C-alpha atoms as a PDB file:
ATOM      1  CA  MET A   1       4.088 -44.742  24.711  1.00  0.00           C
ATOM      2  CA  THR A   2       1.112 -42.737  23.384  1.00  0.00           C
ATOM      3  CA  ASN A   3       1.944 -39.754  25.610  1.00  0.00           C
ATOM      4  CA  ALA A   4       5.527 -39.729  24.344  1.00  0.00           C
ATOM      5  CA  LEU A   5       4.364 -39.762  20.709  1.00  0.00           C
ATOM      6  CA  LEU A   6       1.828 -37.017  21.366  1.00  0.00           C
ATOM      7  CA  ARG A   7       4.455 -34.911  23.144  1.00  0.00           C
ATOM      8  CA  ALA A   8       6.928 -35.430  20.269  1.00  0.00           C
ATOM      9  CA  ALA A   9       4.266 -34.468  17.723  1.00  0.00           C
ATOM     10  CA  LEU A  10       3.373 -31.313  19.662  1.00  0.00           C
ATOM     11  CA  ILE A  11       7.018 -30.298  20.012  1.00  0.00           C
ATOM     12  CA  GLY A  12       7.625 -31.007  16.318  1.00  0.00           C
ATOM     13  CA  GLY A  13       4.582 -28.963  15.333  1.00  0.00           C
ATOM     14  CA  ALA A  14       5.636 -26.052  17.523  1.00  0.00           C
ATOM     15  CA  LEU A  15       9.139 -26.185  16.054  1.00  0.00           C
ATOM     16  CA  ALA A  16       7.783 -26.224  12.505  1.00  0.00           C
ATOM     17  CA  LEU A  17       5.578 -23.217  13.226  1.00  0.00           C
ATOM     18  CA  SER A  18       8.392 -21.220  14.781  1.00  0.00           C
ATOM     19  CA  LEU A  19      10.756 -22.019  11.907  1.00  0.00           C
ATOM     20  CA  SER A  20       8.228 -21.009   9.267  1.00  0.00           C
ATOM     21  CA  ALA A  21       7.484 -17.775  11.140  1.00  0.00           C
ATOM     22  CA  SER A  22      11.155 -16.850  11.329  1.00  0.00           C
ATOM     23  CA  ALA A  23      11.719 -17.755   7.668  1.00  0.00           C
ATOM     24  CA  SER A  24       8.777 -15.572   6.714  1.00  0.00           C
ATOM     25  CA  ALA A  25      10.102 -12.686   8.799  1.00  0.00           C
ATOM     26  CA  SER A  26      13.577 -12.844   7.288  1.00  0.00           C
ATOM     27  CA  SER A  27      12.019 -13.113   3.838  1.00  0.00           C
ATOM     28  CA  ASP A  28       9.958  -9.977   4.527  1.00  0.00           C
ATOM     29  CA  ASP A  29      13.100  -8.230   5.777  1.00  0.00           C
ATOM     30  CA  ALA A  30      14.982  -9.300   2.651  1.00  0.00           C
ATOM     31  CA  TRP A  31      12.272  -7.856   0.392  1.00  0.00           C
ATOM     32  CA  ILE A  32      12.294  -4.587   2.336  1.00  0.00           C
ATOM     33  CA  GLU A  33      16.072  -4.358   1.917  1.00  0.00           C
ATOM     34  CA  PHE A  34      15.703  -5.186  -1.782  1.00  0.00           C
ATOM     35  CA  GLN A  35      13.135  -2.379  -2.205  1.00  0.00           C
ATOM     36  CA  LYS A  36      15.405   0.096  -0.388  1.00  0.00           C
ATOM     37  CA  ASP A  37      18.326  -0.926  -2.621  1.00  0.00           C
ATOM     38  CA  VAL A  38      16.265  -0.453  -5.795  1.00  0.00           C
ATOM     39  CA  ALA A  39      15.042   2.971  -4.602  1.00  0.00           C
ATOM     40  CA  SER A  40      18.527   4.128  -3.620  1.00  0.00           C
ATOM     41  CA  ARG A  41      20.265   2.964  -6.789  1.00  0.00           C
ATOM     42  CA  CYS A  42      17.493   4.347  -8.998  1.00  0.00           C
ATOM     43  CA  LYS A  43      17.570   7.737  -7.235  1.00  0.00           C
ATOM     44  CA  THR A  44      21.331   7.926  -7.727  1.00  0.00           C
ATOM     45  CA  ALA A  45      21.061   7.099 -11.441  1.00  0.00           C
ATOM     46  CA  ALA A  46      18.170   9.493 -12.083  1.00  0.00           C
ATOM     47  CA  THR A  47      19.874  12.297 -10.138  1.00  0.00           C
ATOM     48  CA  LYS A  48      23.071  11.813 -12.138  1.00  0.00           C
ATOM     49  CA  ASP A  49      21.041  11.932 -15.367  1.00  0.00           C
ATOM     50  CA  SER A  50      18.839  14.909 -14.458  1.00  0.00           C
ATOM     51  CA  GLY A  51      20.325  16.896 -11.591  1.00  0.00           C
ATOM     52  CA  VAL A  52      17.005  16.573  -9.717  1.00  0.00           C
ATOM     53  CA  ASN A  53      17.661  15.848  -6.026  1.00  0.00           C
ATOM     54  CA  ALA A  54      14.179  15.361  -4.558  1.00  0.00           C
ATOM     55  CA  TRP A  55      12.300  12.315  -5.813  1.00  0.00           C
ATOM     56  CA  THR A  56       9.043  10.540  -5.152  1.00  0.00           C
ATOM     57  CA  VAL A  57       9.816   6.868  -5.726  1.00  0.00           C
ATOM     58  CA  SER A  58       7.372   4.010  -6.243  1.00  0.00           C
ATOM     59  CA  VAL A  59       9.119   0.637  -6.091  1.00  0.00           C
ATOM     60  CA  SER A  60       7.525  -2.564  -7.327  1.00  0.00           C
ATOM     61  CA  ALA A  61       7.353  -4.779  -4.230  1.00  0.00           C
ATOM     62  CA  PHE A  62       9.065  -7.747  -5.912  1.00  0.00           C
ATOM     63  CA  GLY A  63       9.910  -6.571  -9.434  1.00  0.00           C
ATOM     64  CA  SER A  64      10.046  -9.072 -12.256  1.00  0.00           C
ATOM     65  CA  GLN A  65      11.974 -12.304 -12.269  1.00  0.00           C
ATOM     66  CA  ARG A  66      15.162 -10.515 -13.420  1.00  0.00           C
ATOM     67  CA  PHE A  67      14.694  -6.883 -12.462  1.00  0.00           C
ATOM     68  CA  GLY A  68      13.795  -4.615  -9.579  1.00  0.00           C
ATOM     69  CA  MET A  69      11.658  -1.775 -10.925  1.00  0.00           C
ATOM     70  CA  ALA A  70      10.737   1.727  -9.873  1.00  0.00           C
ATOM     71  CA  ILE A  71       9.044   4.871 -11.134  1.00  0.00           C
ATOM     72  CA  LEU A  72      10.563   8.186 -10.036  1.00  0.00           C
ATOM     73  CA  THR A  73       8.938  11.608 -10.281  1.00  0.00           C
ATOM     74  CA  GLY A  74      10.509  14.938  -9.474  1.00  0.00           C
ATOM     75  CA  LYS A  75      10.853  18.534 -10.598  1.00  0.00           C
ATOM     76  CA  THR A  76      13.801  20.296 -12.167  1.00  0.00           C
ATOM     77  CA  LYS A  77      15.182  23.495 -10.640  1.00  0.00           C
ATOM     78  CA  GLY A  78      12.896  25.360 -13.042  1.00  0.00           C
ATOM     79  CA  GLY A  79       9.870  23.474 -11.711  1.00  0.00           C
ATOM     80  CA  VAL A  80       9.396  21.263 -14.757  1.00  0.00           C
ATOM     81  CA  PRO A  81       8.013  17.831 -13.760  1.00  0.00           C
ATOM     82  CA  VAL A  82      10.057  14.822 -14.854  1.00  0.00           C
ATOM     83  CA  LYS A  83       9.388  11.110 -14.678  1.00  0.00           C
ATOM     84  CA  TYR A  84      11.810   8.201 -14.919  1.00  0.00           C
ATOM     85  CA  ALA A  85      11.383   4.468 -15.193  1.00  0.00           C
ATOM     86  CA  CYS A  86      14.195   2.488 -13.624  1.00  0.00           C
ATOM     87  CA  ALA A  87      15.240  -1.154 -13.802  1.00  0.00           C
ATOM     88  CA  MET A  88      17.881  -2.780 -11.586  1.00  0.00           C
ATOM     89  CA  ASP A  89      19.280  -6.165 -12.580  1.00  0.00           C
ATOM     90  CA  LYS A  90      18.800  -8.397  -9.535  1.00  0.00           C
ATOM     91  CA  LYS A  91      22.056 -10.298 -10.114  1.00  0.00           C
ATOM     92  CA  THR A  92      24.489  -7.585 -11.180  1.00  0.00           C
ATOM     93  CA  LYS A  93      22.771  -4.597  -9.469  1.00  0.00           C
ATOM     94  CA  ALA A  94      23.308  -2.623 -12.711  1.00  0.00           C
ATOM     95  CA  VAL A  95      20.730   0.156 -13.060  1.00  0.00           C
ATOM     96  CA  GLU A  96      19.253   1.792 -16.134  1.00  0.00           C
ATOM     97  CA  VAL A  97      16.898   4.768 -16.218  1.00  0.00           C
ATOM     98  CA  ALA A  98      14.703   6.024 -19.047  1.00  0.00           C
ATOM     99  CA  GLY A  99      12.604   9.122 -19.458  1.00  0.00           C
ATOM    100  CA  GLY A 100      13.510  12.391 -17.840  1.00  0.00           C
ATOM    101  CA  GLU A 101      12.313  14.915 -20.337  1.00  0.00           C
ATOM    102  CA  PRO A 102       8.709  16.088 -19.890  1.00  0.00           C
ATOM    103  CA  SER A 103       7.816  14.939 -23.407  1.00  0.00           C
ATOM    104  CA  GLY A 104       9.590  11.592 -22.940  1.00  0.00           C
ATOM    105  CA  TRP A 105       6.391   9.638 -22.241  1.00  0.00           C
ATOM    106  CA  ALA A 106       3.985   8.890 -25.047  1.00  0.00           C
ATOM    107  CA  ALA A 107       0.418   7.798 -24.316  1.00  0.00           C
ATOM    108  CA  ARG A 108      -0.638   5.195 -26.865  1.00  0.00           C
END
């Protein structure tokens, strides 16, 4: 009887470990997809607003509770550096960008 209980406990423990590992992996994959979605949607919105096509994008790994967030930097065709802040609503996927003009950021 003791061997059967020990065997069941070992099998249960191994199952629990494998399930938590796969849940963690899919969670990591989901966050990576989320980050790619934020970057893509933010690039599209900033490009539409500015005409800049090449961006350096920094995406917040998890965003806030409601929003995915990113900072985009690029240069206009004339070589003027621009910076955008972008927020993507996690539920609706609606995106808003702010900034763009070189003087659009005030240090306070």
